[in-house]
Amino acid sequence: MDQKKLDRINQLAHKSKTEGLTPEEKAEQAILRDEYRAAVTGDLRAQLENTYIMTPDGKKRKVGSGGKRS
């Protein structure tokens, strides 16, 4: 997500607290928040796909969604 959209999310949050939002601004805020959540979730999934845990016996176990869980 680019900085311009993050700035807009923050502007809308501030305006919501101080003077309130119009219905159009509330809809825009919801869309931007959903986009932000999707970006954060995607980044976290990508990071987990490349994360490994080293077990005491020296083996690596993948943490990502494709890895086995104990």
N, C-alpha and C. Protein backbone atom coordinates (compact mmCIF):
# COMPACT_ATOMS: atom_id res chain seq x y z
N MET A 1 0.87 -1.17 0.00
CA MET A 1 0.00 0.00 0.00
C MET A 1 0.90 1.23 0.00
N ASP A 2 0.58 2.18 -0.83
CA ASP A 2 1.44 3.35 -0.94
C ASP A 2 1.16 4.38 0.17
N GLN A 3 2.12 5.28 0.34
CA GLN A 3 2.05 6.26 1.42
C GLN A 3 0.86 7.20 1.27
N LYS A 4 0.47 7.49 0.04
CA LYS A 4 -0.66 8.39 -0.19
C LYS A 4 -1.94 7.81 0.42
N LYS A 5 -2.15 6.50 0.25
CA LYS A 5 -3.34 5.87 0.81
C LYS A 5 -3.26 5.79 2.33
N LEU A 6 -2.08 5.52 2.86
CA LEU A 6 -1.91 5.50 4.31
C LEU A 6 -2.20 6.88 4.91
N ASP A 7 -1.72 7.91 4.24
CA ASP A 7 -2.00 9.28 4.71
C ASP A 7 -3.49 9.56 4.70
N ARG A 8 -4.17 9.09 3.67
CA ARG A 8 -5.62 9.30 3.57
C ARG A 8 -6.36 8.57 4.69
N ILE A 9 -5.93 7.35 5.00
CA ILE A 9 -6.54 6.61 6.11
C ILE A 9 -6.40 7.42 7.40
N ASN A 10 -5.21 7.96 7.62
CA ASN A 10 -4.98 8.76 8.83
C ASN A 10 -5.79 10.05 8.84
N GLN A 11 -5.93 10.69 7.68
CA GLN A 11 -6.75 11.91 7.60
C GLN A 11 -8.20 11.61 7.95
N LEU A 12 -8.72 10.52 7.39
CA LEU A 12 -10.11 10.17 7.66
C LEU A 12 -10.31 9.78 9.12
N ALA A 13 -9.35 9.09 9.71
CA ALA A 13 -9.46 8.72 11.13
C ALA A 13 -9.48 9.97 12.00
N HIS A 14 -8.62 10.92 11.70
CA HIS A 14 -8.57 12.17 12.47
C HIS A 14 -9.88 12.96 12.30
N LYS A 15 -10.35 13.06 11.07
CA LYS A 15 -11.58 13.80 10.82
C LYS A 15 -12.77 13.12 11.50
N SER A 16 -12.76 11.79 11.52
CA SER A 16 -13.83 11.04 12.16
C SER A 16 -13.91 11.38 13.65
N LYS A 17 -12.76 11.55 14.29
CA LYS A 17 -12.71 11.85 15.72
C LYS A 17 -13.07 13.30 16.01
N THR A 18 -12.74 14.21 15.11
CA THR A 18 -12.93 15.63 15.39
C THR A 18 -14.27 16.18 14.92
N GLU A 19 -14.66 15.87 13.70
CA GLU A 19 -15.88 16.48 13.17
C GLU A 19 -16.87 15.51 12.55
N GLY A 20 -16.47 14.26 12.40
CA GLY A 20 -17.36 13.27 11.78
C GLY A 20 -17.13 13.16 10.29
N LEU A 21 -17.61 12.05 9.73
CA LEU A 21 -17.43 11.78 8.31
C LEU A 21 -18.77 11.78 7.59
N THR A 22 -18.73 12.16 6.32
CA THR A 22 -19.91 12.05 5.47
C THR A 22 -20.08 10.57 5.10
N PRO A 23 -21.25 10.18 4.61
CA PRO A 23 -21.42 8.78 4.18
C PRO A 23 -20.41 8.35 3.11
N GLU A 24 -20.07 9.27 2.22
CA GLU A 24 -19.09 8.96 1.18
C GLU A 24 -17.71 8.72 1.79
N GLU A 25 -17.34 9.54 2.78
CA GLU A 25 -16.05 9.37 3.43
C GLU A 25 -16.01 8.07 4.25
N LYS A 26 -17.13 7.71 4.86
CA LYS A 26 -17.19 6.45 5.60
C LYS A 26 -16.99 5.27 4.66
N ALA A 27 -17.59 5.34 3.48
CA ALA A 27 -17.42 4.27 2.49
C ALA A 27 -15.97 4.21 2.02
N GLU A 28 -15.38 5.36 1.76
CA GLU A 28 -13.98 5.41 1.34
C GLU A 28 -13.08 4.84 2.44
N GLN A 29 -13.36 5.19 3.68
CA GLN A 29 -12.58 4.71 4.81
C GLN A 29 -12.65 3.18 4.90
N ALA A 30 -13.84 2.63 4.72
CA ALA A 30 -14.01 1.18 4.79
C ALA A 30 -13.22 0.48 3.68
N ILE A 31 -13.26 1.03 2.48
CA ILE A 31 -12.53 0.45 1.35
C ILE A 31 -11.02 0.50 1.62
N LEU A 32 -10.53 1.64 2.10
CA LEU A 32 -9.10 1.78 2.37
C LEU A 32 -8.66 0.86 3.50
N ARG A 33 -9.48 0.73 4.53
CA ARG A 33 -9.14 -0.17 5.64
C ARG A 33 -9.08 -1.62 5.18
N ASP A 34 -10.03 -2.03 4.34
CA ASP A 34 -10.02 -3.39 3.80
C ASP A 34 -8.76 -3.64 2.97
N GLU A 35 -8.40 -2.65 2.16
CA GLU A 35 -7.20 -2.77 1.33
C GLU A 35 -5.96 -2.86 2.21
N TYR A 36 -5.92 -2.08 3.29
CA TYR A 36 -4.79 -2.11 4.22
C TYR A 36 -4.69 -3.48 4.89
N ARG A 37 -5.83 -3.99 5.37
CA ARG A 37 -5.83 -5.31 6.00
C ARG A 37 -5.33 -6.39 5.04
N ALA A 38 -5.77 -6.33 3.80
CA ALA A 38 -5.35 -7.32 2.80
C ALA A 38 -3.84 -7.21 2.56
N ALA A 39 -3.31 -6.01 2.51
CA ALA A 39 -1.88 -5.83 2.29
C ALA A 39 -1.07 -6.37 3.47
N VAL A 40 -1.52 -6.08 4.68
CA VAL A 40 -0.80 -6.56 5.87
C VAL A 40 -0.86 -8.08 5.93
N THR A 41 -2.03 -8.66 5.67
CA THR A 41 -2.18 -10.11 5.69
C THR A 41 -1.29 -10.77 4.63
N GLY A 42 -1.26 -10.20 3.45
CA GLY A 42 -0.42 -10.73 2.38
C GLY A 42 1.06 -10.67 2.73
N ASP A 43 1.48 -9.55 3.31
CA ASP A 43 2.88 -9.41 3.71
C ASP A 43 3.24 -10.43 4.79
N LEU A 44 2.35 -10.64 5.75
CA LEU A 44 2.60 -11.60 6.82
C LEU A 44 2.67 -13.02 6.27
N ARG A 45 1.77 -13.36 5.36
CA ARG A 45 1.81 -14.70 4.75
C ARG A 45 3.12 -14.93 4.02
N ALA A 46 3.56 -13.93 3.26
CA ALA A 46 4.81 -14.06 2.53
C ALA A 46 5.99 -14.23 3.48
N GLN A 47 5.98 -13.49 4.57
CA GLN A 47 7.06 -13.61 5.54
C GLN A 47 7.05 -14.99 6.19
N LEU A 48 5.88 -15.49 6.54
CA LEU A 48 5.79 -16.81 7.17
C LEU A 48 6.20 -17.92 6.21
N GLU A 49 5.94 -17.75 4.93
CA GLU A 49 6.33 -18.75 3.95
C GLU A 49 7.85 -18.91 3.87
N ASN A 50 8.58 -17.89 4.32
CA ASN A 50 10.03 -17.93 4.27
C ASN A 50 10.66 -18.00 5.66
N THR A 51 9.90 -18.45 6.64
CA THR A 51 10.39 -18.54 8.01
C THR A 51 10.52 -20.00 8.43
N TYR A 52 11.62 -20.31 9.07
CA TYR A 52 11.89 -21.66 9.55
C TYR A 52 12.24 -21.62 11.03
N ILE A 53 11.92 -22.70 11.72
CA ILE A 53 12.30 -22.86 13.12
C ILE A 53 13.35 -23.95 13.18
N MET A 54 14.44 -23.68 13.89
CA MET A 54 15.48 -24.67 14.06
C MET A 54 15.16 -25.47 15.31
N THR A 55 15.00 -26.78 15.14
CA THR A 55 14.70 -27.66 16.26
C THR A 55 15.98 -27.99 17.02
N PRO A 56 15.87 -28.47 18.27
CA PRO A 56 17.07 -28.79 19.05
C PRO A 56 17.99 -29.81 18.38
N ASP A 57 17.43 -30.68 17.54
CA ASP A 57 18.27 -31.68 16.88
C ASP A 57 18.91 -31.15 15.58
N GLY A 58 18.73 -29.86 15.30
CA GLY A 58 19.39 -29.23 14.16
C GLY A 58 18.59 -29.22 12.87
N LYS A 59 17.37 -29.74 12.89
CA LYS A 59 16.53 -29.75 11.68
C LYS A 59 15.77 -28.44 11.58
N LYS A 60 15.49 -28.05 10.34
CA LYS A 60 14.69 -26.86 10.09
C LYS A 60 13.26 -27.28 9.82
N ARG A 61 12.32 -26.55 10.43
CA ARG A 61 10.89 -26.82 10.21
C ARG A 61 10.27 -25.55 9.68
N LYS A 62 9.60 -25.66 8.55
CA LYS A 62 8.96 -24.52 7.92
C LYS A 62 7.75 -24.08 8.72
N VAL A 63 7.59 -22.76 8.89
CA VAL A 63 6.49 -22.21 9.67
C VAL A 63 5.28 -21.91 8.79
N GLY A 64 5.48 -21.59 7.53
CA GLY A 64 4.41 -21.16 6.63
C GLY A 64 3.25 -22.11 6.55
N SER A 65 2.22 -21.73 5.85
CA SER A 65 0.99 -22.50 5.77
C SER A 65 1.21 -23.90 5.18
N GLY A 66 2.29 -24.09 4.46
CA GLY A 66 2.58 -25.40 3.90
C GLY A 66 3.33 -26.32 4.85
N GLY A 67 3.79 -25.77 5.99
CA GLY A 67 4.56 -26.56 6.93
C GLY A 67 3.69 -27.39 7.84
N LYS A 68 4.29 -28.38 8.46
CA LYS A 68 3.57 -29.25 9.38
C LYS A 68 3.51 -28.60 10.75
N ARG A 69 2.42 -28.83 11.44
CA ARG A 69 2.27 -28.33 12.80
C ARG A 69 2.35 -29.48 13.77
N SER A 70 2.97 -29.24 14.91
CA SER A 70 3.08 -30.29 15.93
C SER A 70 1.87 -30.33 16.80
